[in-house]
PDB file of N, CA and C in Angstrom:
ATOM      1  N   MET A   1      -5.240 -71.705  32.839  1.00  0.00           N
ATOM      2  CA  MET A   1      -3.848 -71.234  32.808  1.00  0.00           C
ATOM      3  C   MET A   1      -3.960 -70.786  31.417  1.00  0.00           C
ATOM      4  N   SER A   2      -3.275 -69.042  31.907  1.00  0.00           N
ATOM      5  CA  SER A   2      -3.120 -68.803  30.792  1.00  0.00           C
ATOM      6  C   SER A   2      -2.096 -68.629  29.900  1.00  0.00           C
ATOM      7  N   ARG A   3      -2.056 -67.998  28.521  1.00  0.00           N
ATOM      8  CA  ARG A   3      -1.239 -68.218  27.546  1.00  0.00           C
ATOM      9  C   ARG A   3       0.301 -67.611  28.002  1.00  0.00           C
ATOM     10  N   HIS A   4       0.178 -66.379  28.979  1.00  0.00           N
ATOM     11  CA  HIS A   4       1.212 -65.888  29.709  1.00  0.00           C
ATOM     12  C   HIS A   4       2.221 -66.643  30.837  1.00  0.00           C
ATOM     13  N   ASP A   5       1.316 -68.101  31.233  1.00  0.00           N
ATOM     14  CA  ASP A   5       2.247 -68.532  32.059  1.00  0.00           C
ATOM     15  C   ASP A   5       3.618 -69.330  31.246  1.00  0.00           C
ATOM     16  N   PHE A   6       3.341 -69.756  30.200  1.00  0.00           N
ATOM     17  CA  PHE A   6       4.332 -70.398  29.003  1.00  0.00           C
ATOM     18  C   PHE A   6       5.378 -69.476  29.088  1.00  0.00           C
ATOM     19  N   PHE A   7       5.718 -68.329  28.773  1.00  0.00           N
ATOM     20  CA  PHE A   7       6.549 -67.437  28.720  1.00  0.00           C
ATOM     21  C   PHE A   7       7.378 -66.930  29.950  1.00  0.00           C
ATOM     22  N   PRO A   8       8.746 -67.013  30.010  1.00  0.00           N
ATOM     23  CA  PRO A   8       9.639 -66.954  31.514  1.00  0.00           C
ATOM     24  C   PRO A   8       9.590 -65.262  31.344  1.00  0.00           C
ATOM     25  N   CYS A   9       9.448 -64.358  32.315  1.00  0.00           N
ATOM     26  CA  CYS A   9       9.359 -63.266  32.365  1.00  0.00           C
ATOM     27  C   CYS A   9      10.917 -62.720  33.457  1.00  0.00           C
ATOM     28  N   ALA A  10      11.127 -61.779  32.454  1.00  0.00           N
ATOM     29  CA  ALA A  10      12.578 -61.280  33.827  1.00  0.00           C
ATOM     30  C   ALA A  10      12.410 -60.309  34.597  1.00  0.00           C
ATOM     31  N   ALA A  11      13.015 -60.821  35.462  1.00  0.00           N
ATOM     32  CA  ALA A  11      13.451 -60.048  36.874  1.00  0.00           C
ATOM     33  C   ALA A  11      13.238 -58.033  36.735  1.00  0.00           C
ATOM     34  N   ARG A  12      12.547 -58.161  37.098  1.00  0.00           N
ATOM     35  CA  ARG A  12      12.354 -56.596  37.470  1.00  0.00           C
ATOM     36  C   ARG A  12      11.962 -55.733  38.405  1.00  0.00           C
ATOM     37  N   SER A  13      11.791 -54.852  38.685  1.00  0.00           N
ATOM     38  CA  SER A  13      11.073 -54.278  39.865  1.00  0.00           C
ATOM     39  C   SER A  13      10.733 -53.053  39.322  1.00  0.00           C
ATOM     40  N   ASP A  14       9.457 -52.950  39.993  1.00  0.00           N
ATOM     41  CA  ASP A  14       8.198 -51.847  40.050  1.00  0.00           C
ATOM     42  C   ASP A  14       8.509 -50.713  40.085  1.00  0.00           C
ATOM     43  N   SER A  15      10.101 -49.950  40.990  1.00  0.00           N
ATOM     44  CA  SER A  15      10.130 -48.684  41.279  1.00  0.00           C
ATOM     45  C   SER A  15      11.178 -48.115  40.323  1.00  0.00           C
ATOM     46  N   PRO A  16      11.179 -47.417  40.226  1.00  0.00           N
ATOM     47  CA  PRO A  16      11.867 -46.357  39.500  1.00  0.00           C
ATOM     48  C   PRO A  16      12.687 -46.228  39.374  1.00  0.00           C
ATOM     49  N   GLU A  17      13.998 -46.031  38.338  1.00  0.00           N
ATOM     50  CA  GLU A  17      15.541 -46.445  38.704  1.00  0.00           C
ATOM     51  C   GLU A  17      16.211 -45.033  39.521  1.00  0.00           C
ATOM     52  N   LYS A  18      16.509 -45.194  40.636  1.00  0.00           N
ATOM     53  CA  LYS A  18      17.449 -44.212  41.339  1.00  0.00           C
ATOM     54  C   LYS A  18      17.685 -43.147  40.274  1.00  0.00           C
ATOM     55  N   PRO A  19      18.625 -41.952  39.745  1.00  0.00           N
ATOM     56  CA  PRO A  19      18.853 -41.041  39.413  1.00  0.00           C
ATOM     57  C   PRO A  19      20.833 -41.341  38.880  1.00  0.00           C
ATOM     58  N   GLU A  20      21.448 -42.075  40.375  1.00  0.00           N
ATOM     59  CA  GLU A  20      22.344 -42.746  39.810  1.00  0.00           C
ATOM     60  C   GLU A  20      22.309 -44.047  39.035  1.00  0.00           C
ATOM     61  N   VAL A  21      21.342 -44.425  39.043  1.00  0.00           N
ATOM     62  CA  VAL A  21      21.553 -45.938  38.341  1.00  0.00           C
ATOM     63  C   VAL A  21      21.589 -45.549  36.593  1.00  0.00           C
ATOM     64  N   ARG A  22      20.245 -44.354  36.151  1.00  0.00           N
ATOM     65  CA  ARG A  22      20.373 -43.966  35.128  1.00  0.00           C
ATOM     66  C   ARG A  22      21.760 -43.479  34.901  1.00  0.00           C
ATOM     67  N   GLU A  23      22.194 -43.261  35.683  1.00  0.00           N
ATOM     68  CA  GLU A  23      23.407 -42.092  34.963  1.00  0.00           C
ATOM     69  C   GLU A  23      24.572 -43.539  34.723  1.00  0.00           C
ATOM     70  N   LEU A  24      24.587 -44.200  35.411  1.00  0.00           N
ATOM     71  CA  LEU A  24      25.881 -45.621  35.300  1.00  0.00           C
ATOM     72  C   LEU A  24      25.002 -46.130  33.559  1.00  0.00           C
ATOM     73  N   ILE A  25      23.962 -46.568  33.347  1.00  0.00           N
ATOM     74  CA  ILE A  25      23.361 -47.184  32.193  1.00  0.00           C
ATOM     75  C   ILE A  25      23.973 -46.213  31.071  1.00  0.00           C
ATOM     76  N   GLU A  26      23.742 -44.872  31.181  1.00  0.00           N
ATOM     77  CA  GLU A  26      23.559 -43.534  30.002  1.00  0.00           C
ATOM     78  C   GLU A  26      25.597 -43.942  30.106  1.00  0.00           C
ATOM     79  N   GLU A  27      26.452 -44.054  30.909  1.00  0.00           N
ATOM     80  CA  GLU A  27      27.581 -44.600  30.880  1.00  0.00           C
ATOM     81  C   GLU A  27      28.049 -45.768  30.173  1.00  0.00           C
ATOM     82  N   ARG A  28      27.321 -46.172  30.569  1.00  0.00           N
ATOM     83  CA  ARG A  28      27.363 -47.673  29.707  1.00  0.00           C
ATOM     84  C   ARG A  28      27.271 -47.728  28.507  1.00  0.00           C
ATOM     85  N   ASN A  29      26.038 -47.041  28.244  1.00  0.00           N
ATOM     86  CA  ASN A  29      25.445 -47.579  26.747  1.00  0.00           C
ATOM     87  C   ASN A  29      26.480 -46.266  25.728  1.00  0.00           C
ATOM     88  N   ARG A  30      26.979 -44.979  26.511  1.00  0.00           N
ATOM     89  CA  ARG A  30      28.132 -44.420  25.657  1.00  0.00           C
ATOM     90  C   ARG A  30      29.116 -45.158  25.605  1.00  0.00           C
ATOM     91  N   PHE A  31      30.075 -46.494  26.470  1.00  0.00           N
ATOM     92  CA  PHE A  31      30.986 -46.754  26.560  1.00  0.00           C
ATOM     93  C   PHE A  31      30.622 -47.911  25.742  1.00  0.00           C
ATOM     94  N   LEU A  32      29.452 -48.698  25.242  1.00  0.00           N
ATOM     95  CA  LEU A  32      29.440 -49.523  24.350  1.00  0.00           C
ATOM     96  C   LEU A  32      29.463 -49.171  22.732  1.00  0.00           C
ATOM     97  N   SER A  33      28.772 -47.527  22.833  1.00  0.00           N
ATOM     98  CA  SER A  33      28.731 -46.990  21.551  1.00  0.00           C
ATOM     99  C   SER A  33      30.204 -46.973  20.722  1.00  0.00           C
ATOM    100  N   GLU A  34      31.443 -46.168  21.968  1.00  0.00           N
ATOM    101  CA  GLU A  34      32.495 -46.476  21.161  1.00  0.00           C
ATOM    102  C   GLU A  34      33.030 -47.691  21.447  1.00  0.00           C
ATOM    103  N   HIS A  35      32.997 -48.347  22.020  1.00  0.00           N
ATOM    104  CA  HIS A  35      33.362 -49.913  21.442  1.00  0.00           C
ATOM    105  C   HIS A  35      32.720 -51.420  20.937  1.00  0.00           C
ATOM    106  N   PRO A  36      31.713 -51.265  20.701  1.00  0.00           N
ATOM    107  CA  PRO A  36      30.707 -51.791  19.992  1.00  0.00           C
ATOM    108  C   PRO A  36      31.535 -53.698  19.653  1.00  0.00           C
ATOM    109  N   GLN A  37      32.235 -53.764  19.752  1.00  0.00           N
ATOM    110  CA  GLN A  37      33.100 -55.057  19.749  1.00  0.00           C
ATOM    111  C   GLN A  37      32.040 -55.373  20.720  1.00  0.00           C
ATOM    112  N   LEU A  38      31.606 -55.121  22.422  1.00  0.00           N
ATOM    113  CA  LEU A  38      31.998 -55.482  23.864  1.00  0.00           C
ATOM    114  C   LEU A  38      30.478 -55.606  23.624  1.00  0.00           C
ATOM    115  N   LYS A  39      29.351 -55.339  23.076  1.00  0.00           N
ATOM    116  CA  LYS A  39      27.717 -55.672  22.921  1.00  0.00           C
ATOM    117  C   LYS A  39      27.539 -56.519  23.146  1.00  0.00           C
ATOM    118  N   PRO A  40      28.531 -57.729  22.163  1.00  0.00           N
ATOM    119  CA  PRO A  40      27.444 -59.477  22.601  1.00  0.00           C
ATOM    120  C   PRO A  40      27.706 -59.449  23.691  1.00  0.00           C
ATOM    121  N   LEU A  41      28.885 -59.394  24.242  1.00  0.00           N
ATOM    122  CA  LEU A  41      29.167 -59.676  25.967  1.00  0.00           C
ATOM    123  C   LEU A  41      28.477 -59.133  26.856  1.00  0.00           C
ATOM    124  N   GLN A  42      27.974 -57.439  26.726  1.00  0.00           N
ATOM    125  CA  GLN A  42      26.400 -56.974  27.689  1.00  0.00           C
ATOM    126  C   GLN A  42      25.571 -57.654  26.947  1.00  0.00           C
ATOM    127  N   GLY A  43      25.513 -58.016  25.645  1.00  0.00           N
ATOM    128  CA  GLY A  43      24.319 -58.889  25.615  1.00  0.00           C
ATOM    129  C   GLY A  43      23.738 -59.872  26.664  1.00  0.00           C
ATOM    130  N   GLU A  44      25.056 -61.186  27.158  1.00  0.00           N
ATOM    131  CA  GLU A  44      25.304 -61.783  27.613  1.00  0.00           C
ATOM    132  C   GLU A  44      25.391 -61.544  28.852  1.00  0.00           C
ATOM    133  N   ILE A  45      25.727 -60.409  29.301  1.00  0.00           N
ATOM    134  CA  ILE A  45      25.871 -60.355  30.844  1.00  0.00           C
ATOM    135  C   ILE A  45      24.474 -59.888  30.404  1.00  0.00           C
ATOM    136  N   ASP A  46      23.729 -58.965  29.659  1.00  0.00           N
ATOM    137  CA  ASP A  46      22.607 -58.694  30.792  1.00  0.00           C
ATOM    138  C   ASP A  46      21.281 -60.047  30.684  1.00  0.00           C
ATOM    139  N   ARG A  47      21.514 -60.718  29.453  1.00  0.00           N
ATOM    140  CA  ARG A  47      20.708 -61.702  29.566  1.00  0.00           C
ATOM    141  C   ARG A  47      20.669 -62.945  30.672  1.00  0.00           C
ATOM    142  N   LEU A  48      22.139 -63.540  31.904  1.00  0.00           N
ATOM    143  CA  LEU A  48      22.314 -63.804  32.124  1.00  0.00           C
ATOM    144  C   LEU A  48      21.721 -63.168  33.537  1.00  0.00           C
ATOM    145  N   LEU A  49      21.424 -61.686  33.873  1.00  0.00           N
ATOM    146  CA  LEU A  49      21.561 -60.764  34.675  1.00  0.00           C
ATOM    147  C   LEU A  49      20.126 -60.885  34.777  1.00  0.00           C
ATOM    148  N   GLY A  50      18.693 -60.569  33.850  1.00  0.00           N
ATOM    149  CA  GLY A  50      17.875 -60.452  33.790  1.00  0.00           C
ATOM    150  C   GLY A  50      16.790 -61.072  34.307  1.00  0.00           C
ATOM    151  N   THR A  51      17.582 -62.634  34.845  1.00  0.00           N
ATOM    152  CA  THR A  51      16.659 -62.955  35.339  1.00  0.00           C
ATOM    153  C   THR A  51      16.137 -63.384  37.345  1.00  0.00           C
ATOM    154  N   THR A  52      17.298 -62.285  37.244  1.00  0.00           N
ATOM    155  CA  THR A  52      17.398 -62.270  39.172  1.00  0.00           C
ATOM    156  C   THR A  52      17.409 -60.675  39.928  1.00  0.00           C
ATOM    157  N   LEU A  53      17.010 -60.713  41.154  1.00  0.00           N
ATOM    158  CA  LEU A  53      17.251 -59.692  41.810  1.00  0.00           C
ATOM    159  C   LEU A  53      18.546 -59.460  42.504  1.00  0.00           C
ATOM    160  N   ASP A  54      18.434 -60.541  42.928  1.00  0.00           N
ATOM    161  CA  ASP A  54      18.829 -61.189  44.566  1.00  0.00           C
ATOM    162  C   ASP A  54      20.893 -60.515  44.373  1.00  0.00           C
ATOM    163  N   PRO A  55      21.225 -60.092  44.544  1.00  0.00           N
ATOM    164  CA  PRO A  55      22.514 -59.391  44.686  1.00  0.00           C
ATOM    165  C   PRO A  55      23.077 -60.089  44.993  1.00  0.00           C
ATOM    166  N   SER A  56      23.320 -61.806  46.083  1.00  0.00           N
ATOM    167  CA  SER A  56      24.368 -62.530  45.762  1.00  0.00           C
ATOM    168  C   SER A  56      24.057 -62.878  44.596  1.00  0.00           C
ATOM    169  N   LEU A  57      23.487 -63.571  43.669  1.00  0.00           N
ATOM    170  CA  LEU A  57      23.442 -64.448  42.556  1.00  0.00           C
ATOM    171  C   LEU A  57      23.763 -63.183  41.654  1.00  0.00           C
ATOM    172  N   ARG A  58      23.504 -62.336  41.420  1.00  0.00           N
ATOM    173  CA  ARG A  58      23.900 -61.129  40.509  1.00  0.00           C
ATOM    174  C   ARG A  58      25.778 -61.368  40.445  1.00  0.00           C
ATOM    175  N   LEU A  59      25.959 -61.171  41.850  1.00  0.00           N
ATOM    176  CA  LEU A  59      27.580 -61.051  41.907  1.00  0.00           C
ATOM    177  C   LEU A  59      28.355 -62.485  41.473  1.00  0.00           C
ATOM    178  N   GLU A  60      27.559 -63.684  41.939  1.00  0.00           N
ATOM    179  CA  GLU A  60      28.262 -64.710  41.455  1.00  0.00           C
ATOM    180  C   GLU A  60      28.747 -64.946  39.884  1.00  0.00           C
ATOM    181  N   ILE A  61      27.303 -64.340  39.448  1.00  0.00           N
ATOM    182  CA  ILE A  61      26.762 -64.613  37.750  1.00  0.00           C
ATOM    183  C   ILE A  61      28.228 -64.045  36.865  1.00  0.00           C
ATOM    184  N   LEU A  62      28.808 -62.489  37.770  1.00  0.00           N
ATOM    185  CA  LEU A  62      29.342 -61.961  36.898  1.00  0.00           C
ATOM    186  C   LEU A  62      30.893 -62.307  37.342  1.00  0.00           C
ATOM    187  N   PHE A  63      31.255 -62.806  38.978  1.00  0.00           N
ATOM    188  CA  PHE A  63      32.051 -63.802  38.437  1.00  0.00           C
ATOM    189  C   PHE A  63      32.346 -64.785  38.273  1.00  0.00           C
ATOM    190  N   MET A  64      30.980 -65.957  37.575  1.00  0.00           N
ATOM    191  CA  MET A  64      31.177 -67.125  36.129  1.00  0.00           C
ATOM    192  C   MET A  64      31.910 -66.140  35.512  1.00  0.00           C
ATOM    193  N   LEU A  65      31.247 -64.866  34.845  1.00  0.00           N
ATOM    194  CA  LEU A  65      31.151 -64.720  33.564  1.00  0.00           C
ATOM    195  C   LEU A  65      33.104 -64.166  33.772  1.00  0.00           C
ATOM    196  N   ILE A  66      33.025 -63.319  34.801  1.00  0.00           N
ATOM    197  CA  ILE A  66      34.843 -62.603  34.761  1.00  0.00           C
ATOM    198  C   ILE A  66      35.587 -64.206  34.887  1.00  0.00           C
ATOM    199  N   SER A  67      35.663 -65.010  35.587  1.00  0.00           N
ATOM    200  CA  SER A  67      36.723 -66.154  35.413  1.00  0.00           C
ATOM    201  C   SER A  67      36.764 -66.933  33.953  1.00  0.00           C
ATOM    202  N   GLU A  68      35.422 -67.178  33.706  1.00  0.00           N
ATOM    203  CA  GLU A  68      35.250 -68.045  32.629  1.00  0.00           C
ATOM    204  C   GLU A  68      36.587 -66.829  31.549  1.00  0.00           C
ATOM    205  N   LYS A  69      36.299 -65.223  31.074  1.00  0.00           N
ATOM    206  CA  LYS A  69      37.022 -64.671  30.242  1.00  0.00           C
ATOM    207  C   LYS A  69      38.423 -64.719  30.349  1.00  0.00           C
ATOM    208  N   LEU A  70      38.856 -64.801  31.932  1.00  0.00           N
ATOM    209  CA  LEU A  70      40.269 -64.761  32.005  1.00  0.00           C
ATOM    210  C   LEU A  70      40.662 -66.108  31.863  1.00  0.00           C
ATOM    211  N   GLY A  71      40.242 -67.396  32.139  1.00  0.00           N
ATOM    212  CA  GLY A  71      40.181 -68.490  31.961  1.00  0.00           C
ATOM    213  C   GLY A  71      40.716 -68.733  29.995  1.00  0.00           C
ATOM    214  N   ARG A  72      40.048 -68.509  29.229  1.00  0.00           N
ATOM    215  CA  ARG A  72      40.469 -67.810  27.795  1.00  0.00           C
ATOM    216  C   ARG A  72      41.313 -67.337  27.691  1.00  0.00           C
ATOM    217  N   MET A  73      41.393 -66.020  28.231  1.00  0.00           N
ATOM    218  CA  MET A  73      43.095 -64.712  28.311  1.00  0.00           C
ATOM    219  C   MET A  73      43.918 -66.058  28.783  1.00  0.00           C
ATOM    220  N   LYS A  74      44.182 -66.870  29.949  1.00  0.00           N
ATOM    221  CA  LYS A  74      45.787 -66.732  30.225  1.00  0.00           C
ATOM    222  C   LYS A  74      46.039 -68.196  29.299  1.00  0.00           C
ATOM    223  N   ALA A  75      44.659 -68.993  28.840  1.00  0.00           N
ATOM    224  CA  ALA A  75      44.924 -69.880  27.907  1.00  0.00           C
ATOM    225  C   ALA A  75      45.735 -69.722  26.057  1.00  0.00           C
ATOM    226  N   LEU A  76      45.145 -67.988  26.342  1.00  0.00           N
ATOM    227  CA  LEU A  76      46.039 -67.718  25.244  1.00  0.00           C
ATOM    228  C   LEU A  76      46.791 -67.144  25.435  1.00  0.00           C
ATOM    229  N   PHE A  77      47.212 -66.412  26.267  1.00  0.00           N
ATOM    230  CA  PHE A  77      48.798 -66.149  26.392  1.00  0.00           C
ATOM    231  C   PHE A  77      49.500 -66.615  26.550  1.00  0.00           C
ATOM    232  N   GLY A  78      49.339 -68.185  27.477  1.00  0.00           N
ATOM    233  CA  GLY A  78      50.155 -69.423  27.353  1.00  0.00           C
ATOM    234  C   GLY A  78      50.645 -69.418  25.919  1.00  0.00           C
ATOM    235  N   GLU A  79      49.327 -69.605  25.266  1.00  0.00           N
ATOM    236  CA  GLU A  79      49.998 -69.759  23.858  1.00  0.00           C
ATOM    237  C   GLU A  79      50.925 -69.389  23.150  1.00  0.00           C
ATOM    238  N   VAL A  80      50.766 -67.967  23.256  1.00  0.00           N
ATOM    239  CA  VAL A  80      51.612 -66.890  22.930  1.00  0.00           C
ATOM    240  C   VAL A  80      52.506 -66.893  23.770  1.00  0.00           C
ATOM    241  N   ALA A  81      53.537 -67.083  25.076  1.00  0.00           N
ATOM    242  CA  ALA A  81      54.405 -67.457  25.297  1.00  0.00           C
ATOM    243  C   ALA A  81      54.929 -68.461  24.563  1.00  0.00           C
ATOM    244  N   ARG A  82      54.175 -69.513  24.368  1.00  0.00           N
ATOM    245  CA  ARG A  82      55.082 -70.380  23.756  1.00  0.00           C
ATOM    246  C   ARG A  82      55.397 -70.478  22.116  1.00  0.00           C
ATOM    247  N   LEU A  83      54.414 -70.045  21.710  1.00  0.00           N
ATOM    248  CA  LEU A  83      55.049 -69.289  20.360  1.00  0.00           C
ATOM    249  C   LEU A  83      56.213 -68.283  20.211  1.00  0.00           C
ATOM    250  N   ALA A  84      56.341 -67.514  21.553  1.00  0.00           N
ATOM    251  CA  ALA A  84      57.543 -66.770  21.220  1.00  0.00           C
ATOM    252  C   ALA A  84      58.909 -67.197  21.934  1.00  0.00           C
ATOM    253  N   GLN A  85      58.921 -67.799  22.168  1.00  0.00           N
ATOM    254  CA  GLN A  85      59.871 -69.197  23.110  1.00  0.00           C
ATOM    255  C   GLN A  85      60.211 -69.543  21.450  1.00  0.00           C
ATOM    256  N   THR A  86      58.826 -70.262  20.843  1.00  0.00           N
ATOM    257  CA  THR A  86      59.950 -71.001  19.773  1.00  0.00           C
ATOM    258  C   THR A  86      60.070 -70.372  18.284  1.00  0.00           C
ATOM    259  N   SER A  87      60.006 -68.767  18.579  1.00  0.00           N
ATOM    260  CA  SER A  87      60.199 -68.453  17.690  1.00  0.00           C
ATOM    261  C   SER A  87      62.026 -67.473  17.357  1.00  0.00           C
ATOM    262  N   VAL A  88      61.872 -67.476  19.434  1.00  0.00           N
ATOM    263  CA  VAL A  88      63.695 -67.422  19.400  1.00  0.00           C
ATOM    264  C   VAL A  88      64.525 -67.963  19.177  1.00  0.00           C
ATOM    265  N   PRO A  89      65.925 -67.462  18.176  1.00  0.00           N
ATOM    266  CA  PRO A  89      66.938 -68.402  18.459  1.00  0.00           C
ATOM    267  C   PRO A  89      67.882 -69.018  19.169  1.00  0.00           C
ATOM    268  N   ASP A  90      67.731 -69.924  19.505  1.00  0.00           N
ATOM    269  CA  ASP A  90      68.783 -70.421  20.353  1.00  0.00           C
ATOM    270  C   ASP A  90      70.473 -69.520  20.432  1.00  0.00           C
TER     271      ASP A  90
END
């Protein structure tokens, strides 16, 4: 058994990326340079998607991430709404 058997390998395709894919990656990189606060989220997405090429699993992972973020936003919105109601005089 070689030492490489102990290290996980990210899933990847040996075929070169299509021009459309390269263009989308460049667009994403420009967006991240304009919004650096989103780089940790992109890192999380890259980490989770980097282990599978199956389109169905990739969509499930993205759905899970979006659902989690929306759940957090909903909870935060509820807290803000509660605070707004308590700050308005009767």
